[in-house]
């Protein structure tokens, strides 16, 4: 089985409680289990992590770069302004799929319309809710 990291940024640990009208009612624990299950079905060994601390995310991305591990990344708010995340994504050697539960381009806040992750993403999956994570894993599995 091929290893894949699913990395989630700030506030995604509050899924199911934070703005369910935008992000749905699935909790982060439920999302993690879904990702592992979808991964098994695709022949992927999926590890899911979430952090509110940018340094942790940078460490995980740097380790993925060193180990050549593919990444599904929802950098959340960092997507729009973190040059440190931009630099870490630039170092990745395996595919990166950017994922967003909502579609940032359809959101009213202008700042959400820019992504520092997209220049390094093999593909961007946005606006498909939690199912976007399944779609991102399918991209990494070559389906």
Protein backbone atom coordinates (compact mmCIF):
# COMPACT_ATOMS: atom_id res chain seq x y z
CA UNK A 1 0.00 0.00 0.00
CA UNK A 2 1.20 3.49 -0.84
CA UNK A 3 1.34 6.00 1.99
CA UNK A 4 -0.54 9.30 1.71
CA UNK A 5 -0.77 12.18 4.17
CA UNK A 6 -4.01 14.13 4.52
CA UNK A 7 -3.13 17.39 6.24
CA UNK A 8 -5.71 19.82 7.58
CA UNK A 9 -5.02 23.30 8.85
CA UNK A 10 -6.53 25.68 11.38
CA UNK A 11 -10.09 25.32 12.63
CA UNK A 12 -10.72 22.11 10.69
CA UNK A 13 -10.61 20.25 13.99
CA UNK A 14 -13.94 21.97 14.66
CA UNK A 15 -15.69 20.40 11.67
CA UNK A 16 -19.26 19.53 12.49
CA UNK A 17 -19.49 22.44 14.94
CA UNK A 18 -18.02 25.34 12.97
CA UNK A 19 -20.38 26.89 10.44
CA UNK A 20 -22.15 23.65 9.44
CA UNK A 21 -24.05 25.58 6.77
CA UNK A 22 -20.69 25.96 4.97
CA UNK A 23 -18.62 22.99 6.14
CA UNK A 24 -21.31 20.38 6.89
CA UNK A 25 -21.98 18.26 9.96
CA UNK A 26 -19.21 15.67 9.57
CA UNK A 27 -16.70 15.92 12.41
CA UNK A 28 -12.94 15.80 11.84
CA UNK A 29 -12.78 12.36 13.49
CA UNK A 30 -15.46 11.13 11.08
CA UNK A 31 -13.61 12.72 8.14
CA UNK A 32 -10.39 10.99 9.21
CA UNK A 33 -12.12 7.60 9.34
CA UNK A 34 -13.72 8.20 5.93
CA UNK A 35 -10.33 9.10 4.45
CA UNK A 36 -8.72 5.97 5.85
CA UNK A 37 -11.59 3.84 4.51
CA UNK A 38 -11.57 5.47 1.06
CA UNK A 39 -7.79 5.05 1.02
CA UNK A 40 -7.99 1.33 1.81
CA UNK A 41 -10.45 0.91 -1.07
CA UNK A 42 -7.94 2.66 -3.36
CA UNK A 43 -4.90 0.74 -2.11
CA UNK A 44 -3.61 3.70 -0.10
CA UNK A 45 -2.49 3.83 3.51
CA UNK A 46 -3.85 7.18 4.65
CA UNK A 47 -2.71 9.10 7.70
CA UNK A 48 -4.83 12.13 8.63
CA UNK A 49 -3.51 15.02 10.72
CA UNK A 50 -4.93 18.38 11.78
CA UNK A 51 -3.24 21.31 13.46
CA UNK A 52 -3.86 24.91 14.41
CA UNK A 53 -0.09 25.51 14.60
CA UNK A 54 1.65 26.54 11.40
CA UNK A 55 5.02 25.17 12.51
CA UNK A 56 3.53 21.69 12.86
CA UNK A 57 2.15 21.91 9.32
CA UNK A 58 5.54 23.03 8.02
CA UNK A 59 7.26 20.13 9.77
CA UNK A 60 4.79 17.66 8.25
CA UNK A 61 5.17 19.11 4.74
CA UNK A 62 8.97 19.11 5.04
CA UNK A 63 8.94 15.47 6.18
CA UNK A 64 6.65 14.58 3.26
CA UNK A 65 9.12 16.30 0.93
CA UNK A 66 12.05 14.38 2.43
CA UNK A 67 10.20 11.06 2.24
CA UNK A 68 8.51 11.57 -1.15
CA UNK A 69 5.03 11.06 0.32
CA UNK A 70 1.99 12.35 -1.63
CA UNK A 71 -0.14 14.90 0.21
CA UNK A 72 -3.77 15.95 0.27
CA UNK A 73 -3.67 19.44 1.76
CA UNK A 74 -6.41 21.65 3.11
CA UNK A 75 -4.32 24.49 4.48
CA UNK A 76 -7.51 26.34 5.47
CA UNK A 77 -6.79 30.02 6.24
CA UNK A 78 -3.06 29.53 5.59
CA UNK A 79 -4.03 28.86 1.95
CA UNK A 80 -4.49 32.56 1.42
CA UNK A 81 -1.45 34.15 3.01
CA UNK A 82 1.21 31.79 4.35
CA UNK A 83 4.42 32.19 2.39
CA UNK A 84 5.92 29.56 4.69
CA UNK A 85 3.32 27.04 3.43
CA UNK A 86 4.07 28.21 -0.13
CA UNK A 87 7.78 27.49 0.38
CA UNK A 88 7.09 24.10 1.98
CA UNK A 89 4.81 23.06 -0.88
CA UNK A 90 7.53 24.08 -3.36
CA UNK A 91 9.79 21.40 -1.86
CA UNK A 92 7.37 18.50 -2.30
CA UNK A 93 8.58 15.86 -4.71
CA UNK A 94 5.46 13.67 -4.76
CA UNK A 95 2.05 14.88 -5.95
CA UNK A 96 0.07 17.40 -3.91
CA UNK A 97 -3.69 17.72 -4.20
CA UNK A 98 -5.20 20.87 -2.72
CA UNK A 99 -8.66 20.33 -1.27
CA UNK A 100 -11.32 22.68 0.12
CA UNK A 101 -14.71 21.72 1.51
CA UNK A 102 -16.29 24.91 0.20
CA UNK A 103 -15.27 26.64 -3.02
CA UNK A 104 -13.09 29.59 -1.99
CA UNK A 105 -13.75 31.32 -5.33
CA UNK A 106 -17.47 31.33 -4.59
CA UNK A 107 -17.05 32.78 -1.10
CA UNK A 108 -17.77 36.52 -0.65
CA UNK A 109 -14.48 37.32 1.07
CA UNK A 110 -11.96 38.51 -1.54
CA UNK A 111 -8.98 37.18 0.42
CA UNK A 112 -10.25 33.62 -0.10
CA UNK A 113 -9.86 33.92 -3.87
CA UNK A 114 -6.06 33.59 -3.75
CA UNK A 115 -4.17 30.39 -2.92
CA UNK A 116 -0.46 30.04 -2.21
CA UNK A 117 -0.86 26.26 -2.51
CA UNK A 118 -2.31 26.09 -6.03
CA UNK A 119 0.97 26.79 -7.89
CA UNK A 120 2.33 23.49 -6.55
CA UNK A 121 -0.85 21.40 -6.70
CA UNK A 122 -1.28 18.60 -9.20
CA UNK A 123 -4.99 19.28 -8.91
CA UNK A 124 -7.38 21.42 -6.88
CA UNK A 125 -10.63 19.90 -5.60
CA UNK A 126 -12.97 22.53 -4.17
CA UNK A 127 -16.64 22.88 -3.38
CA UNK A 128 -17.53 19.19 -3.11
CA UNK A 129 -17.88 19.08 0.66
CA UNK A 130 -16.29 16.20 2.51
CA UNK A 131 -16.50 14.11 -0.67
CA UNK A 132 -13.72 16.30 -2.06
CA UNK A 133 -11.28 14.36 0.09
CA UNK A 134 -12.35 11.12 -1.60
CA UNK A 135 -11.89 12.79 -4.97
CA UNK A 136 -8.41 14.00 -3.96
CA UNK A 137 -7.41 10.50 -2.87
CA UNK A 138 -8.67 9.15 -6.20
CA UNK A 139 -6.37 11.60 -8.00
CA UNK A 140 -3.41 10.29 -5.99
CA UNK A 141 -4.44 6.69 -6.67
CA UNK A 142 -4.51 7.43 -10.39
CA UNK A 143 -8.26 7.05 -10.84
